[in-house]
C-alpha atoms as a PDB file:
ATOM      1  CA  MET A   1      24.761  51.251 -24.895  1.00  0.00           C
ATOM      2  CA  ILE A   2      24.446  48.523 -22.187  1.00  0.00           C
ATOM      3  CA  ASN A   3      23.118  49.717 -19.083  1.00  0.00           C
ATOM      4  CA  ASN A   4      24.683  48.520 -15.849  1.00  0.00           C
ATOM      5  CA  THR A   5      21.433  47.379 -14.270  1.00  0.00           C
ATOM      6  CA  GLY A   6      21.497  43.944 -16.278  1.00  0.00           C
ATOM      7  CA  THR A   7      18.479  41.664 -15.183  1.00  0.00           C
ATOM      8  CA  ILE A   8      17.479  39.513 -12.425  1.00  0.00           C
ATOM      9  CA  ASN A   9      17.519  35.347 -13.523  1.00  0.00           C
ATOM     10  CA  LYS A  10      15.401  33.038 -11.638  1.00  0.00           C
ATOM     11  CA  LYS A  11      17.181  32.671  -8.112  1.00  0.00           C
ATOM     12  CA  GLY A  12      17.228  36.401  -7.958  1.00  0.00           C
ATOM     13  CA  LYS A  13      20.666  37.159  -8.779  1.00  0.00           C
ATOM     14  CA  LYS A  14      21.673  40.094 -10.841  1.00  0.00           C
ATOM     15  CA  MET A  15      22.973  39.075 -14.339  1.00  0.00           C
ATOM     16  CA  ASN A  16      25.770  41.242 -16.244  1.00  0.00           C
ATOM     17  CA  PRO A  17      24.399  43.005 -18.412  1.00  0.00           C
ATOM     18  CA  ILE A  18      26.937  42.127 -21.177  1.00  0.00           C
ATOM     19  CA  ILE A  19      26.036  38.450 -21.232  1.00  0.00           C
ATOM     20  CA  THR A  20      22.193  39.379 -21.404  1.00  0.00           C
ATOM     21  CA  GLU A  21      22.674  40.895 -24.711  1.00  0.00           C
ATOM     22  CA  LEU A  22      24.585  38.418 -26.155  1.00  0.00           C
ATOM     23  CA  GLU A  23      21.874  36.213 -24.961  1.00  0.00           C
ATOM     24  CA  LYS A  24      19.225  38.446 -26.786  1.00  0.00           C
ATOM     25  CA  GLU A  25      21.137  37.836 -29.795  1.00  0.00           C
ATOM     26  CA  TYR A  26      20.775  33.997 -30.346  1.00  0.00           C
ATOM     27  CA  THR A  27      17.262  33.662 -28.111  1.00  0.00           C
ATOM     28  CA  ASN A  28      15.281  36.214 -31.020  1.00  0.00           C
ATOM     29  CA  ARG A  29      15.180  32.874 -33.262  1.00  0.00           C
ATOM     30  CA  GLN A  30      11.805  32.118 -33.427  1.00  0.00           C
ATOM     31  CA  MET A  31      11.056  28.072 -32.497  1.00  0.00           C
ATOM     32  CA  PRO A  32       8.039  25.683 -32.049  1.00  0.00           C
ATOM     33  CA  ASP A  33       6.442  25.359 -28.974  1.00  0.00           C
ATOM     34  CA  ILE A  34       8.054  22.093 -27.972  1.00  0.00           C
ATOM     35  CA  ASN A  35       6.647  19.978 -24.947  1.00  0.00           C
ATOM     36  CA  PRO A  36       7.581  16.516 -23.728  1.00  0.00           C
ATOM     37  CA  GLY A  37       5.591  13.955 -25.741  1.00  0.00           C
ATOM     38  CA  ASP A  38       5.991  15.885 -28.966  1.00  0.00           C
ATOM     39  CA  THR A  39       7.482  13.813 -32.300  1.00  0.00           C
ATOM     40  CA  VAL A  40      10.093  16.244 -33.758  1.00  0.00           C
ATOM     41  CA  LYS A  41      12.045  16.510 -36.281  1.00  0.00           C
ATOM     42  CA  VAL A  42      15.335  18.239 -36.085  1.00  0.00           C
ATOM     43  CA  PHE A  43      17.433  19.355 -38.866  1.00  0.00           C
ATOM     44  CA  VAL A  44      21.551  19.354 -37.316  1.00  0.00           C
ATOM     45  CA  ARG A  45      24.485  20.606 -39.329  1.00  0.00           C
ATOM     46  CA  ILE A  46      27.152  18.330 -39.516  1.00  0.00           C
ATOM     47  CA  ILE A  47      30.557  18.994 -41.055  1.00  0.00           C
ATOM     48  CA  GLU A  48      32.547  16.008 -42.628  1.00  0.00           C
ATOM     49  CA  GLY A  49      35.923  17.451 -43.324  1.00  0.00           C
ATOM     50  CA  ASN A  50      35.316  20.142 -45.402  1.00  0.00           C
ATOM     51  CA  LYS A  51      31.944  19.180 -46.478  1.00  0.00           C
ATOM     52  CA  GLU A  52      28.985  20.976 -44.604  1.00  0.00           C
ATOM     53  CA  ARG A  53      25.424  18.926 -44.565  1.00  0.00           C
ATOM     54  CA  THR A  54      21.749  18.680 -43.013  1.00  0.00           C
ATOM     55  CA  GLN A  55      21.209  15.518 -41.329  1.00  0.00           C
ATOM     56  CA  ALA A  56      17.476  15.014 -39.709  1.00  0.00           C
ATOM     57  CA  PHE A  57      16.877  13.339 -36.356  1.00  0.00           C
ATOM     58  CA  GLU A  58      13.505  12.141 -36.066  1.00  0.00           C
ATOM     59  CA  GLY A  59      12.038  11.070 -32.588  1.00  0.00           C
ATOM     60  CA  THR A  60       9.854  11.922 -29.335  1.00  0.00           C
ATOM     61  CA  VAL A  61      11.068  14.757 -27.074  1.00  0.00           C
ATOM     62  CA  ILE A  62      11.001  12.921 -23.470  1.00  0.00           C
ATOM     63  CA  LYS A  63      12.846  15.702 -21.520  1.00  0.00           C
ATOM     64  CA  LYS A  64      12.663  19.773 -21.509  1.00  0.00           C
ATOM     65  CA  ARG A  65      14.938  21.391 -19.372  1.00  0.00           C
ATOM     66  CA  GLY A  66      16.791  24.713 -18.899  1.00  0.00           C
ATOM     67  CA  SER A  67      15.699  28.280 -19.601  1.00  0.00           C
ATOM     68  CA  SER A  68      16.507  31.144 -22.149  1.00  0.00           C
ATOM     69  CA  ILE A  69      19.954  30.044 -24.051  1.00  0.00           C
ATOM     70  CA  ASN A  70      20.304  27.502 -21.850  1.00  0.00           C
ATOM     71  CA  LYS A  71      17.098  25.667 -23.183  1.00  0.00           C
ATOM     72  CA  THR A  72      17.784  21.897 -24.404  1.00  0.00           C
ATOM     73  CA  ILE A  73      15.520  19.100 -25.315  1.00  0.00           C
ATOM     74  CA  THR A  74      16.510  15.234 -25.306  1.00  0.00           C
ATOM     75  CA  VAL A  75      15.320  13.134 -28.403  1.00  0.00           C
ATOM     76  CA  ARG A  76      14.758   9.601 -28.203  1.00  0.00           C
ATOM     77  CA  LYS A  77      14.502   7.313 -31.559  1.00  0.00           C
ATOM     78  CA  VAL A  78      14.513   3.561 -32.064  1.00  0.00           C
ATOM     79  CA  PHE A  79      17.228   2.931 -34.644  1.00  0.00           C
ATOM     80  CA  GLN A  80      17.854  -0.976 -35.469  1.00  0.00           C
ATOM     81  CA  GLY A  81      16.217  -2.454 -32.234  1.00  0.00           C
ATOM     82  CA  ILE A  82      18.289  -0.070 -30.680  1.00  0.00           C
ATOM     83  CA  GLY A  83      17.789   2.902 -28.483  1.00  0.00           C
ATOM     84  CA  VAL A  84      19.410   6.197 -29.474  1.00  0.00           C
ATOM     85  CA  GLU A  85      18.901   9.553 -27.617  1.00  0.00           C
ATOM     86  CA  ARG A  86      20.753  12.495 -28.575  1.00  0.00           C
ATOM     87  CA  VAL A  87      20.669  16.333 -26.755  1.00  0.00           C
ATOM     88  CA  PHE A  88      19.817  19.605 -28.866  1.00  0.00           C
ATOM     89  CA  ALA A  89      20.370  22.957 -27.473  1.00  0.00           C
ATOM     90  CA  ILE A  90      17.428  24.673 -28.840  1.00  0.00           C
ATOM     91  CA  TYR A  91      19.242  28.110 -29.581  1.00  0.00           C
ATOM     92  CA  SER A  92      22.544  26.313 -30.921  1.00  0.00           C
ATOM     93  CA  PRO A  93      23.636  27.826 -33.944  1.00  0.00           C
ATOM     94  CA  ARG A  94      24.149  24.054 -35.833  1.00  0.00           C
ATOM     95  CA  ILE A  95      19.893  23.664 -35.178  1.00  0.00           C
ATOM     96  CA  GLU A  96      18.859  24.684 -38.527  1.00  0.00           C
ATOM     97  CA  LYS A  97      15.196  24.267 -37.726  1.00  0.00           C
ATOM     98  CA  ILE A  98      12.905  21.970 -35.809  1.00  0.00           C
ATOM     99  CA  GLN A  99       9.713  20.799 -36.939  1.00  0.00           C
ATOM    100  CA  VAL A 100       7.450  19.477 -34.630  1.00  0.00           C
ATOM    101  CA  LEU A 101       5.103  16.469 -36.318  1.00  0.00           C
ATOM    102  CA  ARG A 102       2.763  14.941 -33.793  1.00  0.00           C
ATOM    103  CA  LYS A 103       2.051  17.151 -30.717  1.00  0.00           C
ATOM    104  CA  GLY A 104       1.755  14.035 -27.541  1.00  0.00           C
ATOM    105  CA  ASP A 105      -0.895  13.902 -24.395  1.00  0.00           C
ATOM    106  CA  VAL A 106       1.470  13.456 -21.884  1.00  0.00           C
ATOM    107  CA  ARG A 107       0.867  13.426 -17.927  1.00  0.00           C
ATOM    108  CA  ARG A 108       4.761  13.785 -17.111  1.00  0.00           C
ATOM    109  CA  ALA A 109       7.175  16.294 -17.841  1.00  0.00           C
ATOM    110  CA  LYS A 110      10.390  13.547 -18.325  1.00  0.00           C
ATOM    111  CA  LEU A 111       9.419  10.548 -20.045  1.00  0.00           C
ATOM    112  CA  TYR A 112      12.257   7.892 -18.840  1.00  0.00           C
ATOM    113  CA  TYR A 113       9.582   5.176 -18.592  1.00  0.00           C
ATOM    114  CA  LEU A 114       9.949   5.217 -22.729  1.00  0.00           C
ATOM    115  CA  ARG A 115      13.441   3.520 -22.316  1.00  0.00           C
ATOM    116  CA  GLU A 116      12.115   0.403 -21.075  1.00  0.00           C
ATOM    117  CA  ARG A 117       9.357  -0.118 -23.065  1.00  0.00           C
ATOM    118  CA  SER A 118       9.706  -1.095 -26.593  1.00  0.00           C
ATOM    119  CA  GLY A 119       7.124  -1.856 -29.655  1.00  0.00           C
ATOM    120  CA  LYS A 120       3.481  -0.704 -29.579  1.00  0.00           C
ATOM    121  CA  ALA A 121       4.063   0.015 -25.624  1.00  0.00           C
ATOM    122  CA  THR A 122       6.163   3.294 -26.477  1.00  0.00           C
ATOM    123  CA  ARG A 123       3.130   4.787 -28.204  1.00  0.00           C
ATOM    124  CA  ILE A 124       1.713   8.588 -26.673  1.00  0.00           C
ATOM    125  CA  ARG A 125      -1.876   9.904 -27.486  1.00  0.00           C
ATOM    126  CA  GLU A 126      -1.913  12.667 -29.670  1.00  0.00           C
ATOM    127  CA  LYS A 127      -3.252  15.825 -28.841  1.00  0.00           C
ATOM    128  CA  MET A 128      -6.295  17.062 -29.901  1.00  0.00           C
ATOM    129  CA  GLU A 129      -6.740  20.169 -31.134  1.00  0.00           C
ATOM    130  CA  LYS A 130      -9.833  22.474 -29.460  1.00  0.00           C
ATOM    131  CA  LYS A 131     -12.162  23.806 -31.648  1.00  0.00           C
END
């Protein structure tokens, strides 16, 4: 049974309780804590014809946006000298899993400056764990 009270979003508006219930179904998946600067490997299900396979996309998270079911990350990697960026909806059913390979230590929320840099200039310090 869905109650008619609904929930209140960030803008202070009441959300439809039916939509809230549907979102809960997708957002209950366990996802790692992902922040800009992290090096991640995203495993995506790809359908080619009648075959389905998993493809890994490894790169640096340059942007994180949205909330709840609309949360997305932009991952950037350099492939054959060309920068490739992909936007992934974290709670999409196409995303199999996300692995955080390295935690980056950055001071910005959006790392757009990496687009102009190449080679060693794109290195990001690794976050040291506190003991």
